[in-house]
Amino acid sequence: MARYLVTQGVPRASVLLDLEGNTTWDTAMNARALLKPDEPLIVVSSYFHLTRTKLAFQKAGFTRVYSSYSRYFELRDLWSLLREFGGFYAYWWRKA
């Protein structure tokens, strides 16, 4: 995703990577050490994953979470859509 953002014109210095986050939840929790809760942030992911991604960052305490996604489709996205349904509710009930 970082490479995609840079090729789309986002300055490399504006892209934060979390190499310790094995899940989106972990990345949201790790971001608390790097960013202020009221600082606006843009999360970038696959279109089917954005709702859960935004939820994870909101549960981590961020109040200004915006999103964008790369504009492409793969057949495996159909499976991912189904997986995201369960994943969203798992994050919904999870405590930060």
Protein backbone atom coordinates (compact mmCIF):
# COMPACT_ATOMS: atom_id res chain seq x y z
CA MET A 1 0.00 0.00 0.00
CA ALA A 2 2.85 2.41 0.79
CA ARG A 3 4.35 1.93 -2.65
CA TYR A 4 0.93 2.56 -4.21
CA LEU A 5 0.52 5.82 -2.25
CA VAL A 6 3.95 7.09 -3.27
CA THR A 7 3.28 6.29 -6.94
CA GLN A 8 0.03 8.26 -6.61
CA GLY A 9 1.93 11.34 -5.43
CA VAL A 10 1.81 11.08 -1.63
CA PRO A 11 5.13 12.23 -0.15
CA ARG A 12 7.03 9.26 1.32
CA ALA A 13 7.52 11.20 4.58
CA SER A 14 3.72 11.34 4.99
CA VAL A 15 3.32 7.56 4.88
CA LEU A 16 3.68 5.75 8.20
CA LEU A 17 4.30 2.02 8.15
CA ASP A 18 3.73 -0.25 11.11
CA LEU A 19 6.06 -3.20 10.73
CA GLU A 20 5.08 -4.56 14.15
CA GLY A 21 1.35 -4.78 13.51
CA ASN A 22 0.38 -8.29 12.49
CA THR A 23 -3.27 -7.29 12.27
CA THR A 24 -5.17 -4.11 11.59
CA TRP A 25 -6.13 -4.05 15.26
CA ASP A 26 -2.45 -4.17 16.28
CA THR A 27 -1.61 -1.36 13.87
CA ALA A 28 -4.39 0.84 15.28
CA MET A 29 -3.17 0.23 18.83
CA ASN A 30 0.46 0.88 17.82
CA ALA A 31 -0.54 4.17 16.17
CA ARG A 32 -1.49 5.55 19.58
CA ALA A 33 2.22 5.91 20.36
CA LEU A 34 2.86 7.88 17.16
CA LEU A 35 -0.16 10.12 16.70
CA LYS A 36 -2.38 12.35 18.80
CA PRO A 37 -6.00 11.14 19.13
CA ASP A 38 -7.44 14.34 17.63
CA GLU A 39 -4.92 14.48 14.78
CA PRO A 40 -6.59 13.70 11.43
CA LEU A 41 -5.40 10.55 9.75
CA ILE A 42 -6.15 8.75 6.54
CA VAL A 43 -6.14 4.98 6.54
CA VAL A 44 -5.60 3.30 3.20
CA SER A 45 -6.54 -0.29 2.57
CA SER A 46 -8.56 -2.47 0.25
CA TYR A 47 -12.10 -1.19 -0.28
CA PHE A 48 -13.63 -4.18 1.49
CA HIS A 49 -11.46 -3.68 4.59
CA LEU A 50 -12.02 0.03 5.21
CA THR A 51 -15.04 -0.20 7.49
CA ARG A 52 -13.23 -2.52 9.90
CA THR A 53 -10.02 -0.49 9.62
CA LYS A 54 -11.80 2.73 10.55
CA LEU A 55 -13.54 0.97 13.43
CA ALA A 56 -10.21 -0.28 14.81
CA PHE A 57 -8.72 3.22 14.74
CA GLN A 58 -11.82 4.72 16.34
CA LYS A 59 -11.66 2.12 19.09
CA ALA A 60 -7.99 3.05 19.57
CA GLY A 61 -9.19 6.56 20.40
CA PHE A 62 -8.75 8.41 17.13
CA THR A 63 -11.58 10.84 16.44
CA ARG A 64 -10.76 12.04 12.93
CA VAL A 65 -10.32 8.92 10.82
CA TYR A 66 -10.69 9.24 7.07
CA SER A 67 -10.14 6.59 4.45
CA SER A 68 -9.20 5.84 0.89
CA TYR A 69 -8.63 2.69 -1.11
CA SER A 70 -6.76 1.57 -4.17
CA ARG A 71 -9.03 1.25 -7.16
CA TYR A 72 -8.68 -2.30 -8.39
CA PHE A 73 -10.56 -5.56 -8.08
CA GLU A 74 -9.36 -9.16 -7.87
CA LEU A 75 -11.46 -12.32 -7.78
CA ARG A 76 -10.18 -13.11 -4.28
CA ASP A 77 -11.94 -9.93 -3.13
CA LEU A 78 -15.19 -11.90 -3.17
CA TRP A 79 -13.87 -14.16 -0.39
CA SER A 80 -12.47 -11.15 1.42
CA LEU A 81 -15.88 -9.48 1.46
CA LEU A 82 -17.33 -12.48 3.28
CA ARG A 83 -14.40 -12.60 5.73
CA GLU A 84 -14.80 -8.91 6.52
CA PHE A 85 -18.37 -9.40 7.68
CA GLY A 86 -17.27 -11.60 10.57
CA GLY A 87 -14.13 -9.57 11.16
CA PHE A 88 -16.09 -6.34 11.56
CA TYR A 89 -18.24 -7.76 14.34
CA ALA A 90 -15.21 -9.29 16.04
CA TYR A 91 -13.70 -5.78 16.23
CA TRP A 92 -17.06 -4.25 17.17
CA TRP A 93 -17.19 -6.30 20.40
CA ARG A 94 -13.47 -6.06 21.15
CA LYS A 95 -12.20 -3.70 23.85
CA ALA A 96 -9.24 -1.39 23.18
